[in-house]
N, C-alpha and C. Protein backbone atom coordinates (compact mmCIF):
# COMPACT_ATOMS: atom_id res chain seq x y z
N UNK A 1 81.18 40.09 24.23
CA UNK A 1 82.37 41.35 24.68
C UNK A 1 83.44 40.96 24.18
N UNK A 2 84.08 41.54 23.49
CA UNK A 2 85.38 41.36 22.78
C UNK A 2 86.58 42.12 24.01
N UNK A 3 87.82 41.22 24.06
CA UNK A 3 88.50 42.20 24.70
C UNK A 3 90.01 41.73 24.11
N UNK A 4 90.62 42.88 24.15
CA UNK A 4 92.24 42.53 23.33
C UNK A 4 93.11 42.44 24.83
N UNK A 5 94.06 41.46 24.64
CA UNK A 5 94.59 40.76 25.67
C UNK A 5 96.41 40.92 25.59
N UNK A 6 96.80 41.94 25.68
CA UNK A 6 98.61 42.25 25.95
C UNK A 6 98.88 41.89 26.76
N UNK A 7 100.57 41.34 26.13
CA UNK A 7 101.67 40.61 26.79
C UNK A 7 102.99 40.68 26.85
N UNK A 8 103.52 41.53 26.90
CA UNK A 8 105.21 41.77 26.83
C UNK A 8 106.33 40.96 26.34
N UNK A 9 107.24 40.63 25.67
CA UNK A 9 107.95 40.25 25.23
C UNK A 9 109.30 40.18 26.74
N UNK A 10 110.17 38.86 26.72
CA UNK A 10 111.10 38.99 27.61
C UNK A 10 111.67 40.12 27.76
N UNK A 11 112.48 40.76 28.37
CA UNK A 11 113.15 41.74 28.72
C UNK A 11 114.34 41.74 29.85
N UNK A 12 115.17 42.58 29.82
CA UNK A 12 116.06 43.02 30.96
C UNK A 12 117.08 41.89 31.26
N UNK A 13 117.06 41.27 30.48
CA UNK A 13 117.97 39.69 30.18
C UNK A 13 117.31 38.29 30.36
N UNK A 14 116.43 38.63 30.87
CA UNK A 14 115.35 37.37 30.97
C UNK A 14 115.24 36.45 30.33
N UNK A 15 115.20 35.32 29.76
CA UNK A 15 114.67 34.51 28.96
C UNK A 15 113.13 34.31 28.41
N UNK A 16 112.83 34.56 29.62
CA UNK A 16 110.78 34.09 29.78
C UNK A 16 110.73 35.56 30.09
N UNK A 17 109.09 35.93 29.78
CA UNK A 17 108.25 36.98 30.78
C UNK A 17 106.85 36.37 30.91
N UNK A 18 106.52 35.99 32.49
CA UNK A 18 105.49 35.20 32.90
C UNK A 18 104.17 36.14 32.51
N UNK A 19 104.19 37.25 32.19
CA UNK A 19 103.20 37.91 31.81
C UNK A 19 102.97 37.00 29.77
N UNK A 20 103.61 36.91 29.09
CA UNK A 20 103.41 36.48 28.30
C UNK A 20 102.97 34.93 28.02
N UNK A 21 103.93 34.07 28.80
CA UNK A 21 103.61 32.80 29.02
C UNK A 21 102.17 32.62 29.59
N UNK A 22 101.78 33.29 30.70
CA UNK A 22 100.37 33.24 31.09
C UNK A 22 99.69 33.39 30.32
N UNK A 23 99.38 34.32 29.65
CA UNK A 23 98.85 34.79 28.28
C UNK A 23 98.57 33.62 27.71
N UNK A 24 99.34 33.17 26.90
CA UNK A 24 99.36 31.96 25.70
C UNK A 24 98.38 31.00 26.43
N UNK A 25 98.17 31.05 27.65
CA UNK A 25 97.77 29.88 28.53
C UNK A 25 96.06 30.46 28.68
N UNK A 26 95.82 31.53 28.34
CA UNK A 26 94.49 31.86 28.77
C UNK A 26 93.61 31.41 27.38
N UNK A 27 92.29 30.94 27.86
CA UNK A 27 91.15 30.56 27.22
C UNK A 27 90.88 31.66 25.58
N UNK A 28 90.57 31.32 24.89
CA UNK A 28 90.20 32.22 23.64
C UNK A 28 88.61 33.05 23.73
N UNK A 29 88.05 32.10 24.89
CA UNK A 29 86.61 32.87 25.73
C UNK A 29 86.62 32.47 27.20
N UNK A 30 86.32 33.46 27.88
CA UNK A 30 86.65 33.31 29.00
C UNK A 30 85.05 33.92 29.74
N UNK A 31 84.38 33.08 30.20
CA UNK A 31 83.12 33.88 30.70
C UNK A 31 82.17 34.39 29.68
N UNK A 32 82.58 34.20 28.65
CA UNK A 32 81.56 34.48 27.49
C UNK A 32 82.35 35.86 26.81
N UNK A 33 83.76 36.20 27.29
CA UNK A 33 84.65 36.86 26.66
C UNK A 33 85.73 36.39 25.49
N UNK A 34 85.14 36.92 24.35
CA UNK A 34 86.01 36.64 23.57
C UNK A 34 87.22 37.19 23.58
N UNK A 35 88.55 36.61 23.53
CA UNK A 35 89.93 37.12 23.79
C UNK A 35 90.83 37.11 22.64
N UNK A 36 91.09 38.00 22.40
CA UNK A 36 91.93 38.41 20.93
C UNK A 36 93.45 39.04 21.71
N UNK A 37 94.38 38.06 21.38
CA UNK A 37 95.91 38.08 22.48
C UNK A 37 96.64 38.55 21.31
N UNK A 38 98.25 39.65 22.06
CA UNK A 38 98.67 40.06 21.28
C UNK A 38 100.10 40.40 22.25
N UNK A 39 101.00 40.25 21.57
CA UNK A 39 102.48 40.09 21.69
C UNK A 39 102.81 41.46 21.97
N UNK A 40 103.84 41.82 22.73
CA UNK A 40 103.85 43.57 22.64
C UNK A 40 105.40 43.71 23.01
N UNK A 41 106.17 44.25 21.93
CA UNK A 41 107.51 44.73 22.13
C UNK A 41 107.74 45.25 23.47
N UNK A 42 108.86 44.87 24.21
CA UNK A 42 109.23 46.00 25.41
C UNK A 42 110.10 47.18 24.76
N UNK A 43 109.65 47.71 24.17
CA UNK A 43 110.00 48.84 23.70
C UNK A 43 109.33 50.27 23.66
N UNK A 44 109.65 51.34 24.28
CA UNK A 44 109.15 52.62 24.05
C UNK A 44 108.60 52.86 22.83
N UNK A 45 107.53 53.47 22.77
CA UNK A 45 106.53 54.23 21.81
C UNK A 45 106.36 52.96 20.97
N UNK A 46 107.04 51.86 20.58
CA UNK A 46 106.72 50.81 19.93
C UNK A 46 105.07 50.26 20.15
N UNK A 47 105.68 49.94 21.42
CA UNK A 47 104.73 49.28 22.30
C UNK A 47 103.22 49.55 22.21
N UNK A 48 103.32 51.38 22.37
CA UNK A 48 101.83 51.94 22.09
C UNK A 48 101.13 51.75 20.84
N UNK A 49 102.27 51.92 19.55
CA UNK A 49 101.89 51.90 18.19
C UNK A 49 101.39 50.53 18.32
N UNK A 50 101.82 49.33 18.41
CA UNK A 50 101.57 48.32 18.01
C UNK A 50 100.09 47.78 18.55
N UNK A 51 99.77 48.33 19.88
CA UNK A 51 98.40 48.26 20.58
C UNK A 51 97.51 48.99 19.92
N UNK A 52 98.06 50.02 19.33
CA UNK A 52 97.20 50.89 19.01
C UNK A 52 96.28 50.40 17.70
N UNK A 53 97.15 49.79 17.06
CA UNK A 53 97.16 49.34 15.49
C UNK A 53 96.29 48.17 15.74
N UNK A 54 96.14 47.64 17.06
CA UNK A 54 95.40 46.08 16.95
C UNK A 54 93.95 46.53 17.65
N UNK A 55 94.12 47.72 18.23
CA UNK A 55 92.37 48.33 18.81
C UNK A 55 91.76 48.76 17.36
N UNK A 56 92.25 49.17 16.20
CA UNK A 56 91.86 49.67 15.04
C UNK A 56 91.67 48.67 14.71
N UNK A 57 92.58 47.47 14.14
CA UNK A 57 91.78 46.02 13.69
C UNK A 57 90.87 45.46 14.25
N UNK A 58 91.14 45.39 15.58
CA UNK A 58 90.35 44.33 16.73
C UNK A 58 88.30 45.23 17.12
N UNK A 59 88.86 46.24 17.26
CA UNK A 59 87.44 46.97 17.69
C UNK A 59 86.95 46.59 19.20
N UNK A 60 87.80 46.40 19.86
CA UNK A 60 87.06 45.55 20.99
C UNK A 60 86.42 46.92 21.77
N UNK A 61 86.09 45.74 23.04
CA UNK A 61 85.11 46.59 23.74
C UNK A 61 85.71 46.63 24.72
N UNK A 62 87.12 46.34 25.28
CA UNK A 62 88.21 46.56 26.35
C UNK A 62 89.38 46.24 26.18
N UNK A 63 90.10 46.79 26.78
CA UNK A 63 91.77 46.09 26.72
C UNK A 63 92.70 46.05 28.03
N UNK A 64 93.25 44.96 28.00
CA UNK A 64 94.08 44.53 29.44
C UNK A 64 95.33 44.02 29.26
N UNK A 65 96.15 45.08 29.48
CA UNK A 65 97.17 44.92 29.18
C UNK A 65 98.07 44.07 30.57
N UNK A 66 99.07 42.89 30.42
CA UNK A 66 99.63 42.34 31.36
C UNK A 66 101.06 42.54 31.25
N UNK A 67 101.80 42.60 32.33
CA UNK A 67 102.96 43.04 32.24
C UNK A 67 103.90 42.17 33.95
N UNK A 68 105.07 42.25 33.68
CA UNK A 68 106.12 41.46 34.56
C UNK A 68 106.20 42.54 35.77
N UNK A 69 105.97 42.21 37.10
CA UNK A 69 106.46 43.30 38.42
C UNK A 69 107.37 41.81 39.53
N UNK A 70 108.43 41.77 38.83
CA UNK A 70 109.40 41.05 39.70
C UNK A 70 109.32 41.55 40.98
N UNK A 71 109.18 40.89 42.22
CA UNK A 71 109.41 40.97 43.53
C UNK A 71 108.13 41.69 44.00
N UNK A 72 106.81 41.63 43.62
CA UNK A 72 105.47 41.89 44.44
C UNK A 72 104.91 40.41 44.31
N UNK A 73 104.23 39.88 45.11
CA UNK A 73 103.69 38.44 45.67
C UNK A 73 102.47 38.24 45.01
N UNK A 74 101.40 39.30 44.08
CA UNK A 74 100.13 38.97 43.98
C UNK A 74 100.42 39.78 42.62
N UNK A 75 98.77 39.10 42.42
CA UNK A 75 98.40 39.79 40.59
C UNK A 75 97.72 41.30 41.33
N UNK A 76 98.02 42.21 40.67
CA UNK A 76 98.21 43.64 40.81
C UNK A 76 97.35 44.87 39.95
N UNK A 77 96.28 44.45 39.85
CA UNK A 77 95.91 45.47 38.57
C UNK A 77 96.16 47.12 39.07
N UNK A 78 96.56 47.57 38.03
CA UNK A 78 96.68 48.92 38.32
C UNK A 78 95.92 50.30 38.28
N UNK A 79 96.01 51.01 38.95
CA UNK A 79 94.37 51.97 39.37
C UNK A 79 95.25 53.32 38.10
N UNK A 80 96.20 53.42 38.19
CA UNK A 80 96.64 54.85 37.42
C UNK A 80 97.87 54.73 36.72
N UNK A 81 98.18 55.23 35.31
CA UNK A 81 99.49 55.70 34.87
C UNK A 81 99.59 56.88 34.82
N UNK A 82 101.31 57.77 34.68
CA UNK A 82 101.49 58.71 34.65
C UNK A 82 102.22 59.07 33.44
N UNK A 83 101.93 60.59 32.87
CA UNK A 83 102.88 61.02 31.62
C UNK A 83 103.86 61.36 32.39
N UNK A 84 104.92 60.00 32.28
CA UNK A 84 106.34 60.21 32.71
C UNK A 84 106.74 58.80 32.23
N UNK A 85 108.20 59.09 31.17
CA UNK A 85 109.02 58.12 31.13
C UNK A 85 110.45 58.52 32.13
N UNK A 86 110.89 57.35 33.01
CA UNK A 86 111.98 57.53 33.81
C UNK A 86 112.70 55.74 33.94
N UNK A 87 113.37 55.71 32.93
CA UNK A 87 113.86 54.04 32.76
C UNK A 87 115.10 54.18 33.38
N UNK A 88 115.17 52.86 34.09
CA UNK A 88 115.96 52.54 34.69
C UNK A 88 117.23 51.74 34.13
N UNK A 89 116.59 51.28 33.44
CA UNK A 89 117.26 50.41 32.28
C UNK A 89 116.67 50.69 30.73
N UNK A 90 117.66 50.70 29.85
CA UNK A 90 117.38 50.29 28.68
C UNK A 90 116.00 49.46 28.46
N UNK A 91 115.26 49.52 27.17
CA UNK A 91 114.34 48.84 26.86
C UNK A 91 115.10 48.05 25.37
N UNK A 92 114.17 46.85 25.22
CA UNK A 92 114.98 46.06 24.16
C UNK A 92 115.59 46.49 23.27
N UNK A 93 115.13 47.62 22.57
CA UNK A 93 116.14 48.69 21.40
C UNK A 93 117.39 49.32 22.15
N UNK A 94 117.42 49.54 23.45
CA UNK A 94 118.28 50.25 23.64
C UNK A 94 117.87 51.81 24.11
N UNK A 95 116.62 52.10 23.84
CA UNK A 95 116.05 53.31 24.59
C UNK A 95 115.99 53.47 26.04
N UNK A 96 116.55 54.57 26.50
CA UNK A 96 116.23 54.77 27.94
C UNK A 96 116.05 56.40 28.29
N UNK A 97 114.82 56.82 28.08
CA UNK A 97 113.68 58.04 28.09
C UNK A 97 114.54 58.40 29.81
N UNK A 98 114.77 59.47 30.02
CA UNK A 98 114.92 60.13 31.84
C UNK A 98 113.94 61.12 31.46
N UNK A 99 112.74 61.31 32.64
CA UNK A 99 112.31 62.35 32.74
C UNK A 99 111.63 62.77 31.40
N UNK A 100 110.99 62.21 30.79
CA UNK A 100 110.44 62.48 29.56
C UNK A 100 108.94 61.97 29.39
N UNK A 101 108.03 63.51 29.32
CA UNK A 101 106.70 63.33 28.85
C UNK A 101 106.24 62.20 28.07
N UNK A 102 105.01 61.44 28.10
CA UNK A 102 104.92 60.69 27.09
C UNK A 102 104.22 61.32 25.95
N UNK A 103 103.35 62.45 26.00
CA UNK A 103 102.71 62.63 25.30
C UNK A 103 102.60 64.37 25.84
N UNK A 104 102.66 65.11 25.06
CA UNK A 104 102.68 66.49 25.58
C UNK A 104 101.14 66.91 25.41
N UNK A 105 100.08 66.61 24.86
CA UNK A 105 98.60 66.85 24.84
C UNK A 105 97.79 65.71 25.79
N UNK A 106 98.60 65.27 26.62
CA UNK A 106 98.18 64.47 27.40
C UNK A 106 97.94 64.82 28.92
N UNK A 107 97.21 63.73 29.63
CA UNK A 107 96.85 64.38 30.92
C UNK A 107 98.11 63.99 32.01
N UNK A 108 98.13 64.54 32.97
CA UNK A 108 98.96 64.27 33.98
C UNK A 108 99.12 62.73 34.08
N UNK A 109 97.78 62.63 34.37
CA UNK A 109 97.51 60.89 33.83
C UNK A 109 96.38 60.38 34.18
N UNK A 110 95.87 59.05 33.85
CA UNK A 110 94.80 58.25 33.25
C UNK A 110 94.68 57.35 34.24
N UNK A 111 93.64 56.79 34.81
CA UNK A 111 93.44 56.27 35.62
C UNK A 111 92.26 55.32 34.70
N UNK A 112 92.91 54.02 35.15
CA UNK A 112 92.12 52.87 34.22
C UNK A 112 90.46 52.61 34.47
N UNK A 113 90.26 52.37 33.49
CA UNK A 113 88.91 52.30 33.26
C UNK A 113 87.80 51.10 33.39
N UNK A 114 88.94 50.28 33.52
CA UNK A 114 88.39 48.68 34.06
C UNK A 114 87.98 48.55 35.65
N UNK A 115 87.08 47.26 35.63
CA UNK A 115 86.58 47.37 37.38
C UNK A 115 87.79 46.78 38.25
N UNK A 116 88.75 47.50 38.63
CA UNK A 116 90.16 46.90 39.25
C UNK A 116 90.07 46.17 40.26
N UNK A 117 89.07 47.06 41.35
CA UNK A 117 88.51 46.04 42.57
C UNK A 117 87.44 44.69 42.65
N UNK A 118 87.08 45.12 41.69
CA UNK A 118 85.94 44.08 41.25
C UNK A 118 86.89 42.73 40.70
N UNK A 119 87.97 42.93 39.88
CA UNK A 119 89.28 42.01 39.29
C UNK A 119 89.63 41.66 40.58
N UNK A 120 90.70 42.17 41.60
CA UNK A 120 90.67 41.99 42.67
C UNK A 120 90.09 40.78 43.30
N UNK A 121 88.63 41.08 43.63
CA UNK A 121 87.74 40.09 44.62
C UNK A 121 87.68 38.65 43.46
N UNK A 122 87.89 38.76 42.13
CA UNK A 122 87.51 37.71 41.72
C UNK A 122 88.74 36.76 41.51
N UNK A 123 89.71 37.73 41.32
CA UNK A 123 91.16 36.67 41.63
C UNK A 123 91.16 36.15 42.95
N UNK A 124 91.04 36.72 43.98
CA UNK A 124 90.75 36.31 45.23
C UNK A 124 89.72 35.05 45.68
N UNK A 125 88.56 34.77 44.74
CA UNK A 125 87.73 34.57 44.74
C UNK A 125 88.31 32.52 44.27
N UNK A 126 89.06 33.01 43.40
CA UNK A 126 89.78 31.80 42.59
C UNK A 126 91.02 30.98 43.15
N UNK A 127 91.12 31.79 45.04
CA UNK A 127 92.10 31.11 45.93
C UNK A 127 93.68 31.97 44.96
N UNK A 128 93.76 32.96 45.12
CA UNK A 128 94.86 33.77 44.68
C UNK A 128 94.94 35.12 45.11
N UNK A 129 96.57 35.30 45.47
CA UNK A 129 96.83 36.38 46.23
C UNK A 129 96.40 38.00 44.52
N UNK A 130 95.61 39.10 45.77
CA UNK A 130 95.43 39.74 44.79
C UNK A 130 95.23 41.41 45.35
N UNK A 131 95.95 42.19 44.69
CA UNK A 131 95.54 43.69 45.51
C UNK A 131 95.69 44.64 44.44
N UNK A 132 95.13 45.97 44.54
CA UNK A 132 95.19 47.27 43.83
C UNK A 132 96.70 47.56 44.07
N UNK A 133 97.34 47.98 42.80
CA UNK A 133 98.17 48.94 42.91
C UNK A 133 98.25 50.15 42.42
N UNK A 134 98.98 51.02 43.27
CA UNK A 134 99.01 52.51 42.73
C UNK A 134 100.07 53.17 42.43
N UNK A 135 100.71 52.21 41.47
CA UNK A 135 101.70 52.74 40.82
C UNK A 135 102.55 51.67 39.79
N UNK A 136 102.06 52.13 38.38
CA UNK A 136 102.67 51.02 37.56
C UNK A 136 104.32 51.24 37.09
N UNK A 137 104.86 52.10 37.71
CA UNK A 137 106.46 52.29 37.34
C UNK A 137 106.54 53.40 36.73
N UNK A 138 107.59 53.52 36.00
CA UNK A 138 108.00 54.62 35.21
C UNK A 138 108.70 53.90 33.85
N UNK A 139 108.54 52.64 33.80
CA UNK A 139 109.30 52.26 32.73
C UNK A 139 108.35 51.40 31.43
N UNK A 140 108.49 50.79 30.68
CA UNK A 140 107.48 50.51 29.57
C UNK A 140 106.07 50.30 29.79
N UNK A 141 106.17 49.58 31.04
CA UNK A 141 104.52 49.01 31.52
C UNK A 141 104.00 50.68 31.86
N UNK A 142 104.21 51.50 32.59
CA UNK A 142 103.53 52.49 32.64
C UNK A 142 103.26 53.16 31.64
N UNK A 143 104.32 52.72 30.96
CA UNK A 143 104.27 54.09 29.41
C UNK A 143 102.72 53.31 28.50
N UNK A 144 103.17 52.09 28.21
CA UNK A 144 101.83 51.27 27.57
C UNK A 144 100.56 51.71 28.12
N UNK A 145 100.65 51.44 29.69
CA UNK A 145 99.52 51.90 30.20
C UNK A 145 99.00 53.35 29.62
N UNK A 146 99.54 53.78 29.77
CA UNK A 146 99.71 55.39 29.53
C UNK A 146 98.91 55.70 28.18
N UNK A 147 100.30 55.16 27.28
CA UNK A 147 99.31 55.25 25.57
C UNK A 147 98.08 54.75 25.43
N UNK A 148 97.89 53.40 25.87
CA UNK A 148 96.22 52.79 25.69
C UNK A 148 95.36 53.72 26.24
N UNK A 149 95.48 54.35 27.31
CA UNK A 149 94.56 54.94 28.07
C UNK A 149 94.61 56.27 27.01
N UNK A 150 95.24 56.98 26.76
CA UNK A 150 95.43 58.21 25.87
C UNK A 150 94.60 58.07 24.87
N UNK A 151 94.89 56.82 23.87
CA UNK A 151 94.66 56.37 22.96
C UNK A 151 92.93 56.06 22.93
N UNK A 152 92.29 55.38 23.90
CA UNK A 152 91.02 55.21 24.28
C UNK A 152 90.54 56.29 24.54
N UNK A 153 91.00 57.62 25.63
CA UNK A 153 90.05 58.49 25.57
C UNK A 153 90.19 59.75 24.78
N UNK A 154 91.52 59.75 23.76
CA UNK A 154 91.53 60.45 22.28
C UNK A 154 90.16 59.93 21.74
N UNK A 155 90.53 58.94 21.12
CA UNK A 155 90.08 57.90 19.80
C UNK A 155 88.75 56.98 20.12
N UNK A 156 88.80 56.47 21.11
CA UNK A 156 87.57 55.11 21.23
C UNK A 156 86.98 55.34 22.66
N UNK A 157 86.59 56.32 23.43
CA UNK A 157 85.91 56.93 24.47
C UNK A 157 84.93 55.57 24.99
N UNK A 158 84.47 54.77 24.32
CA UNK A 158 83.51 53.88 24.99
C UNK A 158 84.06 52.62 25.26
N UNK A 159 85.56 52.64 24.67
CA UNK A 159 86.23 51.58 25.14
C UNK A 159 86.81 51.38 26.34
N UNK A 160 86.82 50.29 27.26
CA UNK A 160 87.69 50.80 28.51
C UNK A 160 88.94 50.15 28.53
N UNK A 161 90.09 50.10 29.50
CA UNK A 161 91.03 50.00 29.39
C UNK A 161 91.86 49.78 30.69
N UNK A 162 93.14 49.05 30.72
CA UNK A 162 93.91 49.13 32.00
C UNK A 162 94.82 47.89 31.75
N UNK A 163 95.71 47.82 32.95
CA UNK A 163 96.76 47.27 33.20
C UNK A 163 97.25 46.53 34.36
N UNK A 164 97.43 44.85 34.19
CA UNK A 164 97.83 44.17 35.16
C UNK A 164 99.51 43.62 35.34
N UNK A 165 99.47 43.84 36.40
CA UNK A 165 101.42 43.63 36.45
C UNK A 165 101.08 41.87 37.24
N UNK A 166 102.05 41.02 37.25
CA UNK A 166 101.99 40.02 37.45
C UNK A 166 103.47 39.25 37.99
N UNK A 167 103.69 38.42 39.28
CA UNK A 167 104.78 38.17 39.83
C UNK A 167 105.52 37.58 38.40
N UNK A 168 107.00 37.07 39.02
CA UNK A 168 108.07 36.23 38.68
C UNK A 168 107.37 34.76 38.57
N UNK A 169 108.00 33.87 37.84
CA UNK A 169 107.76 32.73 37.50
C UNK A 169 109.20 32.00 38.18
N UNK A 170 108.70 30.88 38.95
CA UNK A 170 109.93 30.07 39.76
C UNK A 170 111.17 30.67 39.08
N UNK A 171 111.62 29.70 37.65
CA UNK A 171 112.48 29.90 37.26
C UNK A 171 113.43 31.28 37.14
N UNK A 172 112.37 32.18 37.46
CA UNK A 172 112.92 33.48 37.39
C UNK A 172 113.93 34.02 38.62
N UNK A 173 113.55 33.19 39.61
CA UNK A 173 114.11 33.40 41.21
C UNK A 173 114.76 32.47 41.53
N UNK A 174 115.45 31.91 41.16
CA UNK A 174 116.55 30.55 41.22
C UNK A 174 117.82 30.90 42.19
N UNK A 175 118.10 32.18 41.40
CA UNK A 175 119.52 33.28 41.84
C UNK A 175 119.37 34.37 42.42
N UNK A 176 118.02 34.45 42.79
CA UNK A 176 117.88 35.86 43.32
C UNK A 176 117.63 35.67 45.21
N UNK A 177 118.05 36.59 45.55
CA UNK A 177 118.32 36.87 47.19
C UNK A 177 116.81 36.50 48.19
N UNK A 178 116.34 35.91 48.76
CA UNK A 178 115.13 35.51 49.51
C UNK A 178 114.91 37.21 50.48
N UNK A 179 114.03 37.63 50.13
CA UNK A 179 112.63 36.94 49.61
C UNK A 179 112.30 37.13 48.08
N UNK A 180 112.30 36.25 47.38
CA UNK A 180 111.76 36.26 45.78
C UNK A 180 110.49 35.63 45.82
N UNK A 181 109.26 36.17 45.55
CA UNK A 181 108.05 35.54 45.41
C UNK A 181 107.94 35.11 43.83
N UNK A 182 107.39 34.63 43.87
CA UNK A 182 106.80 33.95 42.61
C UNK A 182 105.38 33.37 42.46
N UNK A 183 105.24 33.13 40.74
CA UNK A 183 103.90 31.99 41.09
C UNK A 183 104.08 31.62 39.71
N UNK A 184 103.22 30.15 39.92
CA UNK A 184 103.41 29.53 38.36
C UNK A 184 102.91 30.25 37.39
N UNK A 185 103.19 29.76 36.00
CA UNK A 185 102.40 30.40 34.74
C UNK A 185 100.79 29.90 34.73
N UNK A 186 100.74 28.82 35.56
CA UNK A 186 99.20 28.27 35.20
C UNK A 186 98.20 29.04 36.24
N UNK A 187 99.14 29.22 37.19
CA UNK A 187 98.33 30.14 38.23
C UNK A 187 98.06 31.64 37.90
N UNK A 188 99.01 32.32 37.13
CA UNK A 188 98.79 33.66 37.02
C UNK A 188 97.82 33.80 35.50
N UNK A 189 97.68 32.51 35.15
CA UNK A 189 97.03 32.75 33.83
C UNK A 189 95.17 32.25 34.43
N UNK A 190 95.20 31.81 35.47
CA UNK A 190 93.72 31.73 35.98
C UNK A 190 93.31 33.06 36.83
N UNK A 191 94.53 33.47 36.92
CA UNK A 191 94.18 34.74 37.57
C UNK A 191 93.71 35.71 36.81
N UNK A 192 94.53 35.78 35.69
CA UNK A 192 93.69 36.83 34.60
C UNK A 192 92.74 36.11 34.06
N UNK A 193 92.26 35.24 34.01
CA UNK A 193 90.63 34.91 33.69
C UNK A 193 89.95 35.49 34.45
N UNK A 194 90.40 35.09 35.88
CA UNK A 194 89.21 35.56 36.69
C UNK A 194 88.95 37.13 36.49
N UNK A 195 90.59 37.65 36.63
CA UNK A 195 89.85 39.08 36.21
C UNK A 195 89.20 39.44 34.82
N UNK A 196 89.10 38.70 33.83
CA UNK A 196 88.22 39.08 32.53
C UNK A 196 87.18 38.62 33.05
N UNK A 197 86.76 37.61 34.15
CA UNK A 197 85.48 37.56 34.26
C UNK A 197 84.80 38.61 34.61
N UNK A 198 85.57 39.29 35.33
CA UNK A 198 85.05 40.60 36.16
C UNK A 198 84.63 41.64 35.40
N UNK A 199 85.85 41.87 34.50
CA UNK A 199 85.57 42.88 33.47
C UNK A 199 84.64 42.73 32.15
N UNK A 200 83.75 41.37 32.47
CA UNK A 200 82.79 40.92 31.31
C UNK A 200 81.50 41.27 32.37
N UNK A 201 81.32 40.99 33.75
CA UNK A 201 80.30 41.37 34.55
C UNK A 201 79.93 42.52 34.68
N UNK A 202 80.91 43.52 35.14
CA UNK A 202 81.24 44.55 35.96
C UNK A 202 81.26 45.88 35.04
N UNK A 203 79.84 46.37 34.72
CA UNK A 203 79.84 47.76 34.36
C UNK A 203 80.56 48.99 34.82
N UNK A 204 80.50 48.84 36.21
CA UNK A 204 80.99 49.84 36.93
C UNK A 204 81.81 48.90 38.27
N UNK A 205 82.25 49.81 38.73
CA UNK A 205 83.39 49.14 39.93
C UNK A 205 82.72 48.67 40.99
N UNK A 206 83.22 47.79 41.68
CA UNK A 206 82.60 47.51 42.99
C UNK A 206 83.02 48.41 43.75
N UNK A 207 82.88 48.62 45.12
CA UNK A 207 83.06 49.54 46.20
C UNK A 207 84.12 48.75 47.41
N UNK A 208 85.21 48.68 47.12
CA UNK A 208 85.97 47.95 48.30
C UNK A 208 87.08 48.63 48.95
N UNK A 209 87.65 48.42 49.87
CA UNK A 209 88.97 49.05 50.41
C UNK A 209 90.07 48.59 49.52
N UNK A 210 90.61 49.29 48.94
CA UNK A 210 91.85 48.80 47.94
C UNK A 210 93.04 49.90 48.38
N UNK A 211 92.92 50.81 49.23
CA UNK A 211 94.05 51.83 49.48
C UNK A 211 95.25 51.19 50.44
N UNK A 212 96.45 51.92 50.01
CA UNK A 212 97.31 51.50 50.66
C UNK A 212 98.21 52.98 51.19
N UNK A 213 99.15 52.53 52.31
CA UNK A 213 100.16 53.61 52.60
C UNK A 213 101.40 53.86 52.50
N UNK A 214 101.41 52.67 50.99
CA UNK A 214 103.01 53.13 50.53
C UNK A 214 102.89 52.02 49.47
């Protein structure tokens, strides 16, 4: 199996993006899964185009995109992406779409086709906190997740795809008011590798509790 593993560059004034730093530490082969890594610009539309071009070039069996979710305590595979951009801050090129549809011919939402609950289980087995997330937000993370799933549904129906958010690293929380959860880059990388091992192992997801009230 070949997996395309993507991560965003730093954004929002931060000098680092924990997603990118952790992905750099992920091995080139994880539990028999060949890993192709890709840095993605935190830019609306350009992010989708960058990953779509890599999918066309690499012909992966699965795509896992990684992004930062400051304030979260754990690693969170995303369940769903919605067809809506509503940016609270500009992206890295100054774009700030508000209440904007991503693809006019797309579904209202696309669900991840990766085994997200198995990913959570494997991350927990590795001794790290993880849970299913039911919102990828409305910034470039959701935008990319939606765009990747749209692209796969339209052009590569046999390829699985999804997105996982990761917490801040400690250096990003120094001047933030408590509580300010964080996780070191090495542990985030271990969590990503555990998630990848689940992707390689499970063709269909496990049945496990993953619902939330909010």
